[in-house]
Amino acid sequence: MNLDAFEVIGGKKLHGELVPQGAKNEALQILCATLLTDKEVTISNIPRIRDVERLLELLKGLGVKIKEKSHDTLTFQADQINLDFFQTEEFNNNARKIRGSVMLIGPLLARFGRAFLPKPGGDKIGRRRLDTHFRGIQKLGGELKYDAEKDLFFVETKQLNGTYILMDEISVTGTANVVMAAVLAKGTTQIYNAACEPYLQQLCKMLVRMGANISGIGSNLLTIEGVEQLSGTEHRLLPDMIEIGSFIGLAAMTQSEIRIKDVQVDELGIIPNTFERLGVQLEIQGDDILIPEQEDYEIQTFIDGSIMTIYDSPWPGFTPDLMSIMLVVATQAKGSVLIHQKMFESRLFFVDKLIDMGAQIILCDPHRATVIGLGRKHQLRGINMTSPDIRAGVALLIAALSAKGKSVISNINQIDRGYQNIDARLQAIGADIRRI
């Protein structure tokens, strides 16, 4: 069923429990890692979202045997890989649609000595270069050729050899790709300025259970001693911290009491604290987060009284994927805040829709927006709008649920790429939302 718009009647209080899905950004890395062994790997808590389904199709095409134990638990066995699949139209069409496909290169190169990749797609949030991936893989001994006519990358190697790699940017997928290539390389690899997100730590822990030798997990310096081969394992994905953050924002904006279940609080970093800086109350109860019903919330200032700035930075800083949610939540707070989106250059371009809804926002430049909170004196009003990317799409959905009247959000396949069955899950706690 792919209807391509949500109709939302806003202004209703929601009430109930939400269970976050498995983490999208972890899933894409972990699924690619199943190619590193010919033994069986079982993965649970998989979010069955569009980006994941596309990657599963690519793995099936390559010959990976995938068995469904339950809707969110699959087993993978990559013991008969067909590298000719790379040459097919099907591979090229599918791989272009999903950025995560770039992480197939590391494992395939490590195990089979060659890999192909069409230029991947994904979100339109500014230039997302692949140089970091390829530089790391070239340092290990991968030879890169680019066919400009077909827009295809081709990488091959006779032998990957461990080396010292200083990453030129803190890229999560770039680090993941290089780690997966290095675990089967000969000798010692050191990756400095490595990303250290929980998702990357999860990947490293899974590889260690498969027999890899990785130290420094959780830091920005990883040391990997190459091994001959890896065996199978079982792995459970973390809950999606972006979805958890989205639900906290939803509760605040709609003045609702919502309990978010099983969030693995220790893996959320400064996300809860950053919402508290906007004045949102939350209670950690065991492994749940309870957001109580709040009449209003006030943005804190810095200690010297100056205006609060919220900006994104690589982990353990605040994730860029929640900046659009922060911006929306700030529109109804008391006080002002500067939202500074440092890492991507066109993620703030959805604010014109919020301004149309009645929010007071000054877009300073592609990276910065000043939000003057309405303090609930003026409710946002429903409008017709389009979702530009996954995260802005959910931010607009939250705005619509808190707004007065009807909103229609089109291009919601962008939301479906990252959020599983979001309409049904929100309906269950009282949201008036339907696909049209």
Protein backbone atom coordinates (compact mmCIF):
# COMPACT_ATOMS: atom_id res chain seq x y z
CA MET A 1 0.00 0.00 0.00
CA ASN A 2 1.79 3.15 -1.10
CA LEU A 3 -0.53 6.10 -0.85
CA ASP A 4 1.55 9.17 -0.99
CA ALA A 5 0.10 11.66 1.49
CA PHE A 6 -0.92 11.92 5.13
CA GLU A 7 -4.03 13.83 6.11
CA VAL A 8 -3.67 15.04 9.69
CA ILE A 9 -6.26 16.72 11.89
CA GLY A 10 -4.16 18.41 14.56
CA GLY A 11 -4.67 19.80 18.04
CA LYS A 12 -5.58 16.53 19.75
CA LYS A 13 -3.93 15.27 22.91
CA LEU A 14 -2.38 11.85 22.59
CA HIS A 15 -2.01 9.30 25.34
CA GLY A 16 -0.34 5.93 25.61
CA GLU A 17 2.81 3.95 24.96
CA LEU A 18 5.12 3.90 21.95
CA VAL A 19 7.76 1.26 21.31
CA PRO A 20 10.65 2.54 19.20
CA GLN A 21 11.62 0.48 16.16
CA GLY A 22 15.09 -0.96 15.66
CA ALA A 23 17.67 1.61 14.60
CA LYS A 24 17.66 2.32 10.86
CA ASN A 25 21.26 3.55 10.78
CA GLU A 26 22.50 0.52 12.67
CA ALA A 27 20.49 -1.90 10.52
CA LEU A 28 22.11 -0.78 7.26
CA GLN A 29 25.63 -1.43 8.62
CA ILE A 30 24.79 -4.70 10.34
CA LEU A 31 23.02 -6.16 7.27
CA CYS A 32 26.09 -5.44 5.12
CA ALA A 33 28.32 -7.14 7.72
CA THR A 34 26.53 -10.47 7.13
CA LEU A 35 28.59 -10.71 3.92
CA LEU A 36 31.80 -11.10 5.93
CA THR A 37 31.19 -14.79 6.73
CA ASP A 38 29.80 -17.89 5.05
CA LYS A 39 28.21 -18.93 8.36
CA GLU A 40 24.69 -18.12 9.55
CA VAL A 41 24.04 -14.74 11.20
CA THR A 42 20.74 -14.00 13.00
CA ILE A 43 19.62 -10.40 13.45
CA SER A 44 16.63 -9.27 15.49
CA ASN A 45 14.72 -6.01 16.01
CA ILE A 46 15.09 -5.16 12.31
CA PRO A 47 12.90 -2.20 11.27
CA ARG A 48 11.02 -3.22 8.11
CA ILE A 49 11.27 0.21 6.49
CA ARG A 50 11.80 0.97 2.84
CA ASP A 51 15.58 1.56 3.03
CA VAL A 52 16.05 -1.76 4.84
CA GLU A 53 13.80 -3.65 2.38
CA ARG A 54 15.87 -2.31 -0.53
CA LEU A 55 19.09 -3.47 1.08
CA LEU A 56 17.55 -6.91 1.72
CA GLU A 57 16.68 -7.09 -2.00
CA LEU A 58 20.31 -6.27 -2.90
CA LEU A 59 21.62 -8.96 -0.53
CA LYS A 60 19.19 -11.52 -1.98
CA GLY A 61 20.33 -10.61 -5.48
CA LEU A 62 23.93 -11.22 -4.43
CA GLY A 63 22.90 -14.73 -3.37
CA VAL A 64 22.57 -14.28 0.40
CA LYS A 65 20.05 -16.79 1.78
CA ILE A 66 17.62 -14.87 3.96
CA LYS A 67 15.09 -16.70 6.15
CA GLU A 68 12.37 -14.95 8.12
CA LYS A 69 12.04 -16.24 11.69
CA SER A 70 9.56 -13.52 12.57
CA HIS A 71 8.71 -10.10 11.11
CA ASP A 72 11.70 -8.46 12.81
CA THR A 73 14.11 -11.42 13.04
CA LEU A 74 15.96 -12.74 9.99
CA THR A 75 18.81 -15.18 9.42
CA PHE A 76 21.43 -14.55 6.75
CA GLN A 77 23.87 -16.91 5.12
CA ALA A 78 26.30 -15.63 2.51
CA ASP A 79 27.88 -18.94 1.50
CA GLN A 80 27.12 -18.75 -2.24
CA ILE A 81 27.67 -15.18 -3.41
CA ASN A 82 27.12 -14.33 -7.06
CA LEU A 83 29.29 -11.34 -7.94
CA ASP A 84 27.87 -11.19 -11.49
CA PHE A 85 24.73 -9.68 -9.93
CA PHE A 86 26.70 -6.41 -9.80
CA GLN A 87 26.47 -6.13 -13.57
CA THR A 88 22.67 -6.34 -13.67
CA GLU A 89 20.22 -3.52 -14.22
CA GLU A 90 18.33 -4.62 -11.09
CA PHE A 91 21.37 -4.07 -8.86
CA ASN A 92 22.11 -0.68 -10.37
CA ASN A 93 18.54 0.57 -10.01
CA ASN A 94 18.17 -0.64 -6.43
CA ALA A 95 21.60 0.42 -5.21
CA ARG A 96 21.13 3.96 -6.54
CA LYS A 97 18.07 4.46 -4.37
CA ILE A 98 19.72 3.85 -1.02
CA ARG A 99 22.83 5.41 0.43
CA GLY A 100 23.45 2.45 2.74
CA SER A 101 24.41 0.36 -0.31
CA VAL A 102 27.86 1.98 -0.19
CA MET A 103 28.63 -0.19 2.88
CA LEU A 104 28.53 -3.33 0.72
CA ILE A 105 31.96 -2.36 -0.63
CA GLY A 106 34.04 -3.00 2.53
CA PRO A 107 32.78 -6.53 3.23
CA LEU A 108 32.76 -7.64 -0.42
CA LEU A 109 36.25 -6.32 -1.05
CA ALA A 110 37.55 -7.97 2.13
CA ARG A 111 36.05 -11.35 1.35
CA PHE A 112 36.01 -11.55 -2.47
CA GLY A 113 38.55 -8.96 -3.60
CA ARG A 114 36.12 -6.90 -5.71
CA ALA A 115 33.00 -4.79 -5.52
CA PHE A 116 30.91 -2.49 -7.73
CA LEU A 117 28.69 0.41 -6.80
CA PRO A 118 26.57 2.87 -8.73
CA LYS A 119 26.57 6.37 -7.25
CA PRO A 120 24.09 6.03 -4.36
CA GLY A 121 21.07 8.24 -3.66
CA GLY A 122 19.25 8.71 -0.37
CA ASP A 123 18.35 12.00 1.29
CA LYS A 124 18.66 15.36 -0.38
CA ILE A 125 20.42 17.10 2.48
CA GLY A 126 23.39 18.59 0.73
CA ARG A 127 26.51 17.05 -0.74
CA ARG A 128 27.39 13.81 1.01
CA ARG A 129 30.72 12.82 -0.45
CA LEU A 130 31.93 9.25 -0.63
CA ASP A 131 35.62 10.25 -0.60
CA THR A 132 36.03 9.22 3.03
CA HIS A 133 34.88 5.67 2.25
CA PHE A 134 37.11 5.30 -0.76
CA ARG A 135 40.21 6.92 0.73
CA GLY A 136 40.12 4.52 3.67
CA ILE A 137 39.60 1.53 1.40
CA GLN A 138 42.39 2.68 -0.95
CA LYS A 139 44.75 2.95 2.02
CA LEU A 140 44.05 -0.70 2.83
CA GLY A 141 44.99 -1.62 -0.74
CA GLY A 142 41.73 -1.35 -2.68
CA GLU A 143 42.12 -0.01 -6.23
CA LEU A 144 39.34 2.32 -7.27
CA LYS A 145 38.15 2.91 -10.83
CA TYR A 146 35.27 5.21 -11.73
CA ASP A 147 33.31 4.77 -14.95
CA ALA A 148 31.88 8.24 -15.60
CA GLU A 149 29.70 7.05 -18.51
CA LYS A 150 27.82 4.50 -16.40
CA ASP A 151 28.29 6.42 -13.12
CA LEU A 152 29.77 3.24 -11.58
CA PHE A 153 32.54 2.70 -9.04
CA PHE A 154 34.59 -0.47 -9.30
CA VAL A 155 36.98 -1.52 -6.52
CA GLU A 156 39.31 -4.51 -6.50
CA THR A 157 42.31 -5.82 -4.58
CA LYS A 158 44.69 -8.76 -4.57
CA GLN A 159 45.25 -8.42 -0.81
CA LEU A 160 44.10 -5.86 1.75
CA ASN A 161 46.87 -4.92 4.19
CA GLY A 162 46.52 -3.24 7.58
CA THR A 163 47.75 0.35 7.87
CA TYR A 164 47.30 3.60 9.80
CA ILE A 165 44.30 5.59 8.57
CA LEU A 166 43.46 9.11 9.70
CA MET A 167 39.85 9.64 8.61
CA ASP A 168 39.38 13.02 6.92
CA GLU A 169 35.90 13.39 8.41
CA ILE A 170 34.03 11.67 11.22
CA SER A 171 31.77 9.63 8.98
CA VAL A 172 29.71 6.85 10.56
CA THR A 173 29.17 4.89 7.35
CA GLY A 174 32.74 5.66 6.23
CA THR A 175 34.15 4.26 9.48
CA ALA A 176 31.85 1.23 9.26
CA ASN A 177 32.99 0.49 5.71
CA VAL A 178 36.69 0.71 6.60
CA VAL A 179 36.22 -1.39 9.77
CA MET A 180 34.47 -4.14 7.77
CA ALA A 181 37.27 -4.15 5.20
CA ALA A 182 40.00 -4.12 7.87
CA VAL A 183 38.77 -7.09 9.96
CA LEU A 184 39.87 -9.51 7.20
CA ALA A 185 42.93 -7.50 6.06
CA LYS A 186 46.43 -8.77 6.75
CA GLY A 187 48.13 -7.20 9.77
CA THR A 188 47.16 -4.28 11.99
CA THR A 189 44.92 -1.37 11.03
CA GLN A 190 44.55 1.75 13.13
CA ILE A 191 41.63 4.08 12.36
CA TYR A 192 41.96 7.49 14.01
CA ASN A 193 39.20 10.14 14.02
CA ALA A 194 36.84 7.18 13.76
CA ALA A 195 33.12 7.75 14.37
CA CYS A 196 32.10 6.31 17.75
CA GLU A 197 28.26 6.34 17.59
CA PRO A 198 26.48 3.57 19.52
CA TYR A 199 25.57 2.05 16.13
CA LEU A 200 29.22 1.76 15.21
CA GLN A 201 30.02 0.30 18.63
CA GLN A 202 27.26 -2.25 18.00
CA LEU A 203 28.84 -3.20 14.66
CA CYS A 204 32.27 -3.62 16.30
CA LYS A 205 30.84 -5.72 19.14
CA MET A 206 29.06 -7.96 16.64
CA LEU A 207 32.26 -8.38 14.58
CA VAL A 208 34.17 -9.29 17.76
CA ARG A 209 31.58 -11.99 18.52
CA MET A 210 32.17 -13.26 14.97
CA GLY A 211 35.89 -13.56 15.74
CA ALA A 212 37.27 -10.15 14.74
CA ASN A 213 39.98 -8.56 16.87
CA ILE A 214 39.03 -4.91 17.54
CA SER A 215 40.14 -2.73 20.45
CA GLY A 216 39.26 0.86 21.35
CA ILE A 217 35.52 0.34 20.76
CA GLY A 218 33.63 3.48 21.78
CA SER A 219 36.66 5.74 21.28
CA ASN A 220 37.86 7.58 18.17
CA LEU A 221 40.91 5.34 17.80
CA LEU A 222 40.15 1.78 16.70
CA THR A 223 42.87 -0.86 16.43
CA ILE A 224 42.05 -3.92 14.34
CA GLU A 225 44.20 -7.04 14.05
CA GLY A 226 43.17 -8.79 10.84
CA VAL A 227 41.95 -12.40 11.05
CA GLU A 228 41.65 -15.12 8.38
CA GLN A 229 37.89 -15.60 8.64
CA LEU A 230 34.81 -14.82 10.69
CA SER A 231 32.06 -17.10 11.97
CA GLY A 232 28.33 -16.62 12.57
CA THR A 233 26.61 -14.86 15.48
CA GLU A 234 23.33 -13.45 16.78
CA HIS A 235 22.75 -9.73 17.10
CA ARG A 236 19.94 -7.48 18.32
CA LEU A 237 19.66 -3.92 17.01
CA LEU A 238 19.38 -1.00 19.43
CA PRO A 239 16.13 0.97 19.52
CA ASP A 240 16.26 3.93 17.11
CA MET A 241 17.41 7.02 19.04
CA ILE A 242 16.06 9.30 16.31
CA GLU A 243 12.62 7.83 16.70
CA ILE A 244 12.88 8.15 20.48
CA GLY A 245 13.81 11.82 20.09
CA SER A 246 10.96 12.32 17.61
CA PHE A 247 8.48 10.88 20.14
CA ILE A 248 9.78 13.14 22.94
CA GLY A 249 9.22 16.12 20.61
CA LEU A 250 5.76 14.84 19.69
CA ALA A 251 4.70 14.61 23.35
CA ALA A 252 5.92 18.13 24.10
CA MET A 253 4.28 19.71 21.05
CA THR A 254 0.90 18.02 21.54
CA GLN A 255 0.86 18.48 25.37
CA SER A 256 0.49 14.72 25.70
CA GLU A 257 1.55 12.17 28.27
CA ILE A 258 3.48 9.52 26.37
CA ARG A 259 5.57 6.63 27.65
CA ILE A 260 8.36 5.48 25.34
CA LYS A 261 9.19 1.85 26.12
CA ASP A 262 12.55 0.04 26.22
CA VAL A 263 14.75 2.92 25.04
CA GLN A 264 18.18 1.68 26.27
CA VAL A 265 18.73 4.97 28.11
CA ASP A 266 22.51 4.50 28.36
CA GLU A 267 22.82 4.64 24.57
CA LEU A 268 20.97 7.95 24.15
CA GLY A 269 23.91 10.21 24.97
CA ILE A 270 22.90 13.86 25.42
CA ILE A 271 19.55 13.55 23.63
CA PRO A 272 17.35 13.63 26.80
CA ASN A 273 19.42 16.48 28.25
CA THR A 274 19.10 18.55 25.06
CA PHE A 275 15.29 18.32 25.18
CA GLU A 276 15.49 19.46 28.82
CA ARG A 277 17.35 22.55 27.63
CA LEU A 278 14.23 23.41 25.62
CA GLY A 279 12.22 23.04 28.83
CA VAL A 280 10.73 19.62 28.06
CA GLN A 281 10.29 17.53 31.21
CA LEU A 282 11.01 13.84 31.03
CA GLU A 283 11.29 11.11 33.62
CA ILE A 284 13.54 8.09 33.20
CA GLN A 285 11.68 5.13 34.73
CA GLY A 286 13.70 1.94 34.47
CA ASP A 287 14.32 1.64 30.74
CA ASP A 288 11.32 3.79 29.78
CA ILE A 289 11.05 7.52 29.26
CA LEU A 290 7.83 9.10 30.49
CA ILE A 291 7.01 12.56 29.11
CA PRO A 292 4.33 14.02 31.38
CA GLU A 293 1.55 16.22 30.00
CA GLN A 294 2.96 19.75 30.05
CA GLU A 295 0.98 22.96 29.77
CA ASP A 296 4.03 24.84 28.50
CA TYR A 297 7.82 24.64 28.45
CA GLU A 298 10.47 27.35 28.60
CA ILE A 299 13.82 27.35 26.79
CA GLN A 300 16.71 27.68 29.21
CA THR A 301 19.37 30.34 28.68
CA PHE A 302 23.10 29.89 29.10
CA ILE A 303 24.39 30.63 32.62
CA ASP A 304 25.26 34.23 31.68
CA GLY A 305 21.71 34.78 30.37
CA SER A 306 22.62 34.71 26.68
CA ILE A 307 20.39 32.96 24.12
CA MET A 308 20.64 29.18 24.03
CA THR A 309 22.30 27.66 20.96
CA ILE A 310 21.65 24.06 19.96
CA TYR A 311 24.02 22.63 17.38
CA ASP A 312 24.85 19.21 16.01
CA SER A 313 28.23 17.52 16.12
CA PRO A 314 29.60 14.00 15.78
CA TRP A 315 28.90 11.60 18.66
CA PRO A 316 28.95 12.07 21.60
CA GLY A 317 27.63 15.45 20.47
CA PHE A 318 24.01 16.00 19.47
CA THR A 319 22.91 14.05 16.39
CA PRO A 320 22.13 16.08 13.23
CA ASP A 321 19.15 13.79 12.59
CA LEU A 322 17.21 15.40 15.45
CA MET A 323 17.89 19.05 14.59
CA SER A 324 14.65 19.40 12.60
CA ILE A 325 12.67 17.99 15.57
CA MET A 326 14.38 20.46 17.95
CA LEU A 327 13.48 23.33 15.68
CA VAL A 328 9.81 22.34 15.58
CA VAL A 329 9.63 21.85 19.37
CA ALA A 330 11.16 25.30 19.89
CA THR A 331 8.36 26.99 17.88
CA GLN A 332 5.88 26.48 20.75
CA ALA A 333 8.30 27.01 23.65
CA LYS A 334 8.66 30.19 25.69
CA GLY A 335 11.85 32.02 24.76
CA SER A 336 14.26 32.01 21.83
CA VAL A 337 16.90 29.64 20.58
CA LEU A 338 19.45 29.55 17.78
CA ILE A 339 19.40 26.25 15.89
CA HIS A 340 22.77 25.76 14.18
CA GLN A 341 22.84 22.82 11.76
CA LYS A 342 26.58 22.50 11.15
CA MET A 343 26.93 19.16 9.42
CA PHE A 344 24.56 19.38 6.41
CA GLU A 345 23.78 22.41 4.37
CA SER A 346 20.19 22.10 3.26
CA ARG A 347 18.43 20.47 6.17
CA LEU A 348 16.81 23.70 7.34
CA PHE A 349 15.02 24.47 4.10
CA PHE A 350 11.76 23.07 5.43
CA VAL A 351 11.32 26.04 7.79
CA ASP A 352 9.35 27.97 5.17
CA LYS A 353 6.53 25.45 5.75
CA LEU A 354 6.63 26.12 9.49
CA ILE A 355 6.54 29.87 8.81
CA ASP A 356 3.45 29.29 6.65
CA MET A 357 1.93 27.50 9.67
CA GLY A 358 2.50 30.63 11.77
CA ALA A 359 5.85 29.86 13.44
CA GLN A 360 8.23 32.75 14.08
CA ILE A 361 11.54 31.72 12.57
CA ILE A 362 14.35 33.77 11.03
CA LEU A 363 16.38 31.68 8.59
CA CYS A 364 19.79 33.33 8.89
CA ASP A 365 21.55 31.20 6.25
CA PRO A 366 21.48 27.53 5.11
CA HIS A 367 22.93 26.47 8.47
CA ARG A 368 21.26 28.67 11.09
CA ALA A 369 17.74 29.51 12.13
CA THR A 370 16.60 31.63 15.07
CA VAL A 371 13.32 30.43 16.55
CA ILE A 372 11.22 32.84 18.58
CA GLY A 373 8.96 30.59 20.64
CA LEU A 374 5.24 31.37 20.54
CA GLY A 375 4.78 30.08 24.11
CA ARG A 376 1.51 28.48 22.97
CA LYS A 377 -0.12 31.91 22.59
CA HIS A 378 -0.68 31.17 18.91
CA GLN A 379 -1.30 27.59 17.83
CA LEU A 380 0.25 26.60 14.51
CA ARG A 381 -2.33 26.24 11.73
CA GLY A 382 -2.69 23.29 9.36
CA ILE A 383 -1.49 23.68 5.73
CA ASN A 384 -0.67 21.55 2.69
CA MET A 385 3.02 20.71 2.47
CA THR A 386 5.62 18.31 1.07
CA SER A 387 8.24 16.31 2.96
CA PRO A 388 11.76 17.07 1.61
CA ASP A 389 13.68 14.39 3.57
CA ILE A 390 13.09 11.69 6.20
CA ARG A 391 13.77 13.80 9.29
CA ALA A 392 12.10 17.02 8.10
CA GLY A 393 9.11 14.88 7.12
CA VAL A 394 8.61 13.70 10.69
CA ALA A 395 9.25 17.19 12.06
CA LEU A 396 6.46 18.50 9.80
CA LEU A 397 4.23 15.61 10.87
CA ILE A 398 4.75 16.61 14.53
CA ALA A 399 3.98 20.23 13.65
CA ALA A 400 0.79 19.11 11.88
CA LEU A 401 -0.33 16.99 14.86
CA SER A 402 -0.01 20.02 17.14
CA ALA A 403 -1.60 22.47 14.66
CA LYS A 404 -5.15 23.71 14.47
CA GLY A 405 -7.16 22.21 11.62
CA LYS A 406 -6.20 19.97 8.75
CA SER A 407 -2.78 19.47 7.19
CA VAL A 408 -1.88 17.37 4.18
CA ILE A 409 1.73 16.16 3.93
CA SER A 410 2.66 14.76 0.53
CA ASN A 411 5.77 12.83 -0.59
CA ILE A 412 5.50 10.69 2.54
CA ASN A 413 7.46 7.85 1.00
CA GLN A 414 10.34 9.93 2.43
CA ILE A 415 8.89 9.34 5.91
CA ASP A 416 8.28 5.63 5.16
CA ARG A 417 11.96 5.26 4.27
CA GLY A 418 12.84 5.79 7.93
CA TYR A 419 9.77 5.18 10.08
CA GLN A 420 7.91 1.89 10.13
CA ASN A 421 4.13 2.02 9.99
CA ILE A 422 4.17 5.42 11.68
CA ASP A 423 0.52 6.27 10.96
CA ALA A 424 -0.88 3.13 12.64
CA ARG A 425 1.41 3.54 15.64
CA LEU A 426 0.30 7.15 16.15
CA GLN A 427 -3.38 6.28 15.60
CA ALA A 428 -3.04 3.79 18.46
CA ILE A 429 -2.30 6.64 20.90
CA GLY A 430 -5.07 8.88 19.59
CA ALA A 431 -3.64 10.74 16.60
CA ASP A 432 -6.02 11.68 13.80
CA ILE A 433 -3.90 10.69 10.81
CA ARG A 434 -4.67 8.73 7.66
CA ARG A 435 -3.11 7.90 4.32
CA ILE A 436 -4.85 9.40 1.32
